[in-house]
C-alpha cells in the first residue's frame, strides 16, 4: 500500500513515463454552462473510370472503377468527432495549492489531440486507486476565466467522498492551448477535451480505470451529451446540471445567431452548413440528440423550474428523446430552482449525485 504522498508522486511518475457570446449561461464559479454541440453530415458520389481501350496491341494493367473521395465531414460535426483518434494522456501534476485534510489539490495538464489542456485535480488522501470524475464547466468568458475557478462545490464534495476530481479548463481557457477555430466549429473541441480527460485518467495509477464518470454544468451539460454519443462506454455514468439543449439549433439561436459580438462565428457556421431553416437535416446532424441511440451510460439530470438561462423544457425534451431510445435517464426537478442551484436544493442535488455515482461506479 502506498502513502498519500507516494500516490501523488506515483500519479506524476506514471503519466510522465507513459505508465503502463458572448455571454451564454454564466458559470457560478462553483458550477455553470453553455455550448453548442457538433454535427454529422457528409455526402458521397462515385464516378466510374473510363473503360480501358481494347485496341491496344499490348495488354496493359487497367485500373478498376474509382470513386470520388468522400468530402471530409464538417469540423463542427459529430461525424468529424466520430472520425477522430483520441489520444488523451500525459497527465502531469504541477503546483500544489488548496489542499485540505481530505485531499491534495494540484494544477494539472494533459494532452488532447495535439493541445495541452490545463485543469485542477483533487486526489483524496488515503489508499487508491480511487474512482474518478471529469468535471466539465459552464460558460465563463475565456478572456477572464482562470484555472479551476468553477464547480468548486462539486469538486470539493466529491473529493471528500473519495473521488479523484479532474476539473478541465477546456481549450482557449486559462493555461490551455489555443484553438482559434473552436467557436466557428460550434465549440466541438470542448467535447474532445472531455473525452481525452477521461482517457488521461484511465492511464493514471491513482485512478481505477473502470470507475470514471463525467459531470457537466450548463454548457458542460452539452459537453456531456456530445461526449456520451461520441465515445459510448468511456465513462460508467454521467450527470448534467441545468444543461443546454441537446438540439444545437436552440443553443445557436439563443447565444450565437442573435448576438452581434459573435456575428463572425455565426457567419462562418452558416457559410458552411447553411441556415437551420434552409438546411434542417444538416443542422439536425450537428445535434447530440440525433445520436442518442448510441449512448451506453446511465444519465442523471438536475434542473430548476426557474432556470433563467436554460429552460427546463430543454431537459424535458432531451429526456423524452433519450427514453424514446430506451436509455437509462433520470430527471430531478427543483421547484423554484434557478440556473445555479443554491442550498438547500444544491445540497439535495449533490447527495443524489453521490448516490447515483455510488450505484453505477460501485
Protein backbone atom coordinates (compact mmCIF):
# COMPACT_ATOMS: atom_id res chain seq x y z
CA UNK A 1 0.00 0.00 0.00
CA UNK A 2 1.23 3.47 -0.79
CA UNK A 3 1.07 6.61 1.30
CA UNK A 4 -0.91 9.62 0.01
CA UNK A 5 2.36 11.39 -0.87
CA UNK A 6 3.55 8.31 -2.73
CA UNK A 7 0.21 8.06 -4.53
CA UNK A 8 0.52 11.63 -5.78
CA UNK A 9 4.11 11.06 -6.79
CA UNK A 10 3.10 7.79 -8.42
CA UNK A 11 0.48 9.59 -10.49
CA UNK A 12 3.06 12.07 -11.76
CA UNK A 13 5.65 9.40 -12.50
CA UNK A 14 3.13 7.05 -14.10
CA UNK A 15 1.98 9.69 -16.50
CA UNK A 16 5.38 11.16 -17.27
CA UNK A 17 6.67 7.68 -18.11
CA UNK A 18 3.56 6.73 -20.04
CA UNK A 19 2.83 4.09 -17.47
CA UNK A 20 1.63 1.01 -18.35
CA UNK A 21 -21.36 35.26 -26.52
CA UNK A 22 -20.63 36.35 -25.92
CA UNK A 23 -22.49 35.55 -22.77
CA UNK A 24 -24.12 32.21 -22.54
CA UNK A 25 -25.45 30.92 -19.29
CA UNK A 26 -22.90 32.02 -16.76
CA UNK A 27 -20.99 29.69 -14.51
CA UNK A 28 -21.39 30.24 -10.79
CA UNK A 29 -17.66 29.87 -10.00
CA UNK A 30 -18.88 26.79 -8.30
CA UNK A 31 -20.86 25.50 -11.29
CA UNK A 32 -22.38 26.72 -14.69
CA UNK A 33 -22.56 26.16 -18.65
CA UNK A 34 -23.38 26.71 -22.43
CA UNK A 35 -22.14 25.40 -25.58
CA UNK A 36 -23.21 24.38 -28.92
CA UNK A 37 -22.59 20.83 -29.83
CA UNK A 38 -21.19 19.46 -33.08
CA UNK A 39 -22.64 17.84 -36.43
CA UNK A 40 -22.65 14.85 -38.67
CA UNK A 41 -23.12 15.28 -42.30
CA UNK A 42 -21.24 14.09 -45.32
CA UNK A 43 -22.14 13.02 -48.80
CA UNK A 44 -20.51 10.80 -51.34
CA UNK A 45 -20.65 10.42 -55.06
CA UNK A 46 -18.93 7.98 -57.34
CA UNK A 47 -17.97 8.04 -61.00
CA UNK A 48 -16.52 5.01 -62.78
CA UNK A 49 -13.30 5.42 -64.69
CA UNK A 50 -13.47 5.32 -68.50
CA UNK A 51 -13.37 1.79 -69.90
CA UNK A 52 -9.90 0.65 -70.92
CA UNK A 53 -9.12 0.55 -74.63
CA UNK A 54 -9.49 -2.86 -76.33
CA UNK A 55 -7.47 -1.93 -79.43
CA UNK A 56 -4.08 -1.52 -77.83
CA UNK A 57 -1.54 -4.02 -79.22
CA UNK A 58 -0.24 -4.86 -75.78
CA UNK A 59 -2.14 -5.77 -72.66
CA UNK A 60 -1.64 -3.11 -70.01
CA UNK A 61 -2.96 -3.10 -66.48
CA UNK A 62 -6.32 -1.43 -66.38
CA UNK A 63 -7.48 0.39 -63.30
CA UNK A 64 -10.72 -0.70 -61.76
CA UNK A 65 -13.60 1.68 -61.12
CA UNK A 66 -12.70 4.55 -58.85
CA UNK A 67 -14.87 6.62 -56.59
CA UNK A 68 -14.71 10.30 -55.86
CA UNK A 69 -13.34 10.62 -52.34
CA UNK A 70 -15.93 11.46 -49.74
CA UNK A 71 -15.67 15.03 -48.58
CA UNK A 72 -14.35 15.41 -45.08
CA UNK A 73 -17.14 15.91 -42.55
CA UNK A 74 -17.67 19.47 -41.40
CA UNK A 75 -15.32 20.22 -38.48
CA UNK A 76 -18.29 21.23 -36.34
CA UNK A 77 -19.95 17.90 -36.90
CA UNK A 78 -20.41 14.83 -34.79
CA UNK A 79 -19.29 12.90 -37.85
CA UNK A 80 -15.95 14.70 -37.51
CA UNK A 81 -15.80 13.74 -33.84
CA UNK A 82 -16.55 10.11 -34.72
CA UNK A 83 -13.63 10.14 -37.15
CA UNK A 84 -11.08 11.42 -34.64
CA UNK A 85 -8.47 9.29 -32.95
CA UNK A 86 -8.40 10.30 -29.29
CA UNK A 87 -5.03 10.33 -27.58
CA UNK A 88 -5.70 11.68 -24.08
CA UNK A 89 -2.80 11.12 -21.71
CA UNK A 90 0.38 12.64 -20.27
CA UNK A 91 -1.43 13.83 -17.15
CA UNK A 92 1.02 15.97 -15.19
CA UNK A 93 0.77 17.47 -11.74
CA UNK A 94 2.04 20.98 -11.14
CA UNK A 95 1.94 23.26 -8.13
CA UNK A 96 0.02 22.04 -5.08
CA UNK A 97 -2.45 24.63 -3.85
CA UNK A 98 -5.76 24.48 -1.99
CA UNK A 99 -5.18 21.10 -0.36
CA UNK A 100 -7.30 20.10 2.64
CA UNK A 101 -7.23 17.42 5.29
CA UNK A 102 -9.32 15.26 2.90
CA UNK A 103 -7.44 15.66 -0.39
CA UNK A 104 -4.46 17.18 -2.15
CA UNK A 105 -5.16 19.68 -4.92
CA UNK A 106 -2.82 20.36 -7.85
CA UNK A 107 -2.63 22.39 -11.02
CA UNK A 108 -2.72 19.78 -13.80
CA UNK A 109 -2.27 19.45 -17.54
CA UNK A 110 -2.98 16.67 -20.05
CA UNK A 111 -2.84 16.18 -23.80
CA UNK A 112 -5.90 16.48 -26.05
CA UNK A 113 -5.33 15.74 -29.74
CA UNK A 114 -2.28 17.93 -30.08
CA UNK A 115 -3.25 20.55 -27.50
CA UNK A 116 -2.20 20.82 -23.86
CA UNK A 117 -5.23 21.40 -21.63
CA UNK A 118 -4.95 22.80 -18.12
CA UNK A 119 -7.13 21.96 -15.16
CA UNK A 120 -7.26 21.34 -11.44
CA UNK A 121 -7.17 17.89 -9.85
CA UNK A 122 -8.09 16.77 -6.33
CA UNK A 123 -6.64 13.49 -5.10
CA UNK A 124 -8.15 12.03 -1.92
CA UNK A 125 -5.80 11.25 0.93
CA UNK A 126 -5.66 7.56 1.64
CA UNK A 127 -5.07 4.46 -0.36
CA UNK A 128 -6.05 4.23 -4.01
CA UNK A 129 -6.81 3.50 -6.68
CA UNK A 130 -9.87 5.75 -6.50
CA UNK A 131 -12.93 6.23 -8.67
CA UNK A 132 -12.72 9.48 -10.65
CA UNK A 133 -14.88 12.21 -12.13
CA UNK A 134 -14.20 14.56 -15.04
CA UNK A 135 -15.85 17.94 -14.41
CA UNK A 136 -16.92 19.96 -17.49
CA UNK A 137 -17.68 23.53 -16.52
CA UNK A 138 -20.18 26.01 -17.87
CA UNK A 139 -19.71 29.20 -19.82
CA UNK A 140 -17.34 31.82 -18.49
CA UNK A 141 -15.83 34.34 -20.90
CA UNK A 142 -12.45 32.79 -21.77
CA UNK A 143 -10.89 36.26 -21.57
CA UNK A 144 -11.50 36.40 -17.81
CA UNK A 145 -11.64 32.72 -16.88
CA UNK A 146 -8.86 31.48 -14.58
CA UNK A 147 -7.63 27.95 -13.89
CA UNK A 148 -10.13 25.83 -11.99
CA UNK A 149 -12.34 28.70 -10.89
CA UNK A 150 -15.64 26.88 -11.38
CA UNK A 151 -17.54 23.89 -9.99
CA UNK A 152 -15.83 24.39 -6.63
CA UNK A 153 -18.65 22.80 -4.65
CA UNK A 154 -18.84 19.63 -6.71
CA UNK A 155 -15.07 19.28 -6.75
CA UNK A 156 -14.69 19.64 -3.01
CA UNK A 157 -17.65 17.44 -2.06
CA UNK A 158 -16.81 14.53 -4.33
CA UNK A 159 -13.12 14.55 -3.42
CA UNK A 160 -14.14 14.34 0.23
CA UNK A 161 -16.20 11.28 -0.70
CA UNK A 162 -13.14 9.55 -2.16
CA UNK A 163 -13.25 10.56 -5.84
CA UNK A 164 -10.35 11.92 -7.85
CA UNK A 165 -11.87 15.01 -9.46
CA UNK A 166 -10.31 16.46 -12.62
CA UNK A 167 -11.80 19.85 -13.44
CA UNK A 168 -10.86 20.73 -17.02
CA UNK A 169 -10.36 24.28 -18.28
CA UNK A 170 -11.05 23.48 -21.99
CA UNK A 171 -9.02 24.80 -24.91
CA UNK A 172 -8.78 28.62 -25.05
CA UNK A 173 -9.23 28.82 -21.25
CA UNK A 174 -6.67 29.60 -18.54
CA UNK A 175 -3.33 27.93 -19.37
CA UNK A 176 -4.78 25.65 -22.06
CA UNK A 177 -3.53 25.88 -25.63
CA UNK A 178 -5.46 27.97 -28.14
CA UNK A 179 -7.80 26.72 -30.85
CA UNK A 180 -8.88 29.77 -32.88
CA UNK A 181 -11.42 27.72 -34.87
CA UNK A 182 -13.35 26.42 -31.88
CA UNK A 183 -16.20 28.96 -31.87
CA UNK A 184 -16.74 28.61 -35.63
CA UNK A 185 -16.84 24.84 -35.04
CA UNK A 186 -19.69 25.19 -32.53
CA UNK A 187 -17.26 24.52 -29.67
CA UNK A 188 -16.92 20.89 -30.66
CA UNK A 189 -13.42 20.95 -29.20
CA UNK A 190 -14.77 21.06 -25.66
CA UNK A 191 -16.17 17.55 -26.03
CA UNK A 192 -12.81 16.42 -27.43
CA UNK A 193 -11.14 17.78 -24.29
CA UNK A 194 -13.62 15.98 -22.01
CA UNK A 195 -13.12 12.66 -23.81
CA UNK A 196 -9.36 12.99 -23.61
CA UNK A 197 -9.58 13.86 -19.92
CA UNK A 198 -11.35 10.55 -19.33
CA UNK A 199 -8.66 8.72 -21.29
CA UNK A 200 -5.90 10.50 -19.37
CA UNK A 201 -7.44 9.45 -16.05
CA UNK A 202 -7.64 5.85 -17.21
CA UNK A 203 -3.85 5.85 -17.57
CA UNK A 204 -3.19 7.28 -14.11
CA UNK A 205 -2.16 4.72 -11.48
CA UNK A 206 -4.06 6.55 -8.76
CA UNK A 207 -7.37 6.02 -10.64
CA UNK A 208 -9.45 2.88 -11.07
CA UNK A 209 -9.81 2.88 -14.89
CA UNK A 210 -13.16 1.12 -14.75
CA UNK A 211 -14.80 3.66 -12.43
CA UNK A 212 -14.80 7.05 -14.16
CA UNK A 213 -17.79 9.38 -14.55
CA UNK A 214 -18.47 12.66 -16.33
CA UNK A 215 -20.30 15.63 -14.79
CA UNK A 216 -21.13 18.86 -16.63
CA UNK A 217 -22.97 22.07 -15.84
CA UNK A 218 -24.95 24.17 -18.33
CA UNK A 219 -22.63 24.39 -21.36
CA UNK A 220 -20.83 21.47 -19.78
CA UNK A 221 -24.13 19.59 -19.88
CA UNK A 222 -23.97 19.92 -23.66
CA UNK A 223 -20.41 18.61 -23.48
CA UNK A 224 -21.76 15.61 -21.56
CA UNK A 225 -24.36 14.85 -24.25
CA UNK A 226 -21.79 15.07 -27.04
CA UNK A 227 -19.08 13.08 -25.26
CA UNK A 228 -21.52 10.27 -24.49
CA UNK A 229 -22.65 9.88 -28.11
CA UNK A 230 -19.12 10.11 -29.49
CA UNK A 231 -17.41 7.69 -27.09
CA UNK A 232 -20.09 5.42 -25.57
CA UNK A 233 -18.68 3.26 -22.81
CA UNK A 234 -15.74 5.51 -21.96
CA UNK A 235 -17.49 6.67 -18.79
CA UNK A 236 -19.52 4.50 -16.44
CA UNK A 237 -22.11 7.18 -15.66
CA UNK A 238 -22.81 10.87 -16.29
CA UNK A 239 -24.56 13.78 -14.60
CA UNK A 240 -25.76 17.06 -16.13
CA UNK A 241 -26.69 20.13 -14.09
CA UNK A 242 -29.01 22.63 -15.84
CA UNK A 243 -27.80 21.54 -19.27
CA UNK A 244 -28.14 23.43 -22.50
CA UNK A 245 -30.31 21.94 -25.22
CA UNK A 246 -29.33 18.70 -26.93
CA UNK A 247 -30.58 20.35 -30.14
CA UNK A 248 -27.77 22.58 -31.43
CA UNK A 249 -30.18 24.97 -33.13
CA UNK A 250 -31.68 26.01 -29.78
CA UNK A 251 -28.26 26.98 -28.45
CA UNK A 252 -27.12 28.61 -31.70
CA UNK A 253 -30.25 30.74 -31.94
CA UNK A 254 -30.12 31.86 -28.32
CA UNK A 255 -26.43 32.63 -27.84
CA UNK A 256 -24.77 32.99 -31.24
CA UNK A 257 -27.10 33.91 -34.07
CA UNK A 258 -28.68 36.94 -32.42
CA UNK A 259 -25.50 38.19 -30.74
CA UNK A 260 -23.76 40.91 -32.74
CA UNK A 261 -20.46 40.25 -30.99
CA UNK A 262 -20.46 36.68 -32.31
CA UNK A 263 -21.54 37.50 -35.84
CA UNK A 264 -18.23 36.26 -37.25
CA UNK A 265 -18.73 32.79 -35.75
CA UNK A 266 -22.35 32.76 -36.92
CA UNK A 267 -21.36 33.65 -40.48
CA UNK A 268 -18.62 31.00 -40.51
CA UNK A 269 -21.02 28.24 -39.47
CA UNK A 270 -23.88 29.34 -41.72
CA UNK A 271 -21.45 29.74 -44.61
CA UNK A 272 -20.61 26.05 -44.32
CA UNK A 273 -23.89 24.50 -43.21
CA UNK A 274 -26.49 26.97 -44.43
CA UNK A 275 -29.17 28.31 -42.12
CA UNK A 276 -31.13 25.95 -39.88
CA UNK A 277 -34.27 26.88 -41.83
CA UNK A 278 -32.74 26.10 -45.23
CA UNK A 279 -30.73 23.03 -44.18
CA UNK A 280 -32.61 21.34 -41.31
CA UNK A 281 -31.05 17.94 -41.97
CA UNK A 282 -27.50 19.32 -41.77
CA UNK A 283 -28.30 21.10 -38.53
CA UNK A 284 -30.05 18.07 -37.06
CA UNK A 285 -26.80 16.24 -37.73
CA UNK A 286 -24.94 18.73 -35.54
CA UNK A 287 -27.02 17.80 -32.53
CA UNK A 288 -26.14 15.10 -30.00
CA UNK A 289 -29.86 14.37 -29.74
CA UNK A 290 -29.74 12.88 -33.24
CA UNK A 291 -27.30 10.25 -31.94
CA UNK A 292 -28.85 9.47 -28.56
CA UNK A 293 -29.28 5.86 -29.63
CA UNK A 294 -25.51 5.41 -29.21
CA UNK A 295 -25.41 6.32 -25.51
CA UNK A 296 -24.49 3.45 -23.20
CA UNK A 297 -24.16 5.20 -19.83
CA UNK A 298 -26.88 5.97 -17.28
CA UNK A 299 -27.52 9.71 -17.05
CA UNK A 300 -28.86 11.87 -14.22
CA UNK A 301 -30.09 15.41 -14.99
CA UNK A 302 -30.75 18.15 -12.41
CA UNK A 303 -32.81 21.18 -13.44
CA UNK A 304 -34.64 24.00 -11.67
CA UNK A 305 -38.08 25.22 -12.74
CA UNK A 306 -36.98 28.89 -12.59
CA UNK A 307 -33.78 28.49 -14.61
CA UNK A 308 -33.18 31.91 -16.19
CA UNK A 309 -30.67 30.67 -18.80
CA UNK A 310 -31.55 27.11 -19.84
CA UNK A 311 -35.29 26.44 -19.73
CA UNK A 312 -36.47 23.26 -18.05
CA UNK A 313 -38.27 22.39 -21.30
CA UNK A 314 -34.87 21.69 -22.88
CA UNK A 315 -34.13 18.96 -20.36
CA UNK A 316 -37.65 17.56 -20.65
CA UNK A 317 -37.20 17.30 -24.43
CA UNK A 318 -33.79 15.65 -24.02
CA UNK A 319 -35.17 13.15 -21.53
CA UNK A 320 -38.09 12.32 -23.82
CA UNK A 321 -35.68 11.71 -26.70
CA UNK A 322 -33.45 9.52 -24.52
CA UNK A 323 -36.37 7.48 -23.22
CA UNK A 324 -37.63 7.01 -26.78
CA UNK A 325 -34.29 5.29 -27.42
CA UNK A 326 -34.68 3.14 -24.31
CA UNK A 327 -31.90 4.88 -22.39
CA UNK A 328 -31.39 4.93 -18.62
CA UNK A 329 -32.07 8.57 -17.74
CA UNK A 330 -33.48 10.30 -14.69
CA UNK A 331 -34.61 13.94 -14.43
CA UNK A 332 -34.64 15.58 -10.99
CA UNK A 333 -36.63 18.82 -10.89
CA UNK A 334 -36.14 21.56 -8.27
CA UNK A 335 -39.21 23.82 -7.80
CA UNK A 336 -38.15 27.46 -7.93
CA UNK A 337 -34.55 26.47 -8.63
CA UNK A 338 -32.51 28.95 -10.66
CA UNK A 339 -29.77 28.14 -13.16
CA UNK A 340 -27.31 27.85 -10.30
CA UNK A 341 -28.92 25.87 -7.52
CA UNK A 342 -28.42 27.22 -4.01
CA UNK A 343 -28.76 25.47 -0.67
CA UNK A 344 -30.72 23.55 0.41
CA UNK A 345 -31.54 22.45 -3.18
CA UNK A 346 -27.90 22.13 -4.17
CA UNK A 347 -27.26 20.00 -1.07
CA UNK A 348 -30.07 17.70 -2.14
CA UNK A 349 -28.72 17.55 -5.68
CA UNK A 350 -25.19 16.59 -4.66
CA UNK A 351 -26.48 13.87 -2.33
CA UNK A 352 -28.47 12.48 -5.23
CA UNK A 353 -25.39 12.72 -7.46
CA UNK A 354 -23.30 10.93 -4.86
CA UNK A 355 -25.86 8.11 -4.55
CA UNK A 356 -26.10 7.85 -8.35
CA UNK A 357 -22.33 7.54 -8.72
CA UNK A 358 -22.11 5.00 -5.92
CA UNK A 359 -24.77 2.88 -7.62
CA UNK A 360 -23.19 2.91 -11.06
CA UNK A 361 -19.47 3.10 -10.26
CA UNK A 362 -19.64 0.62 -7.42
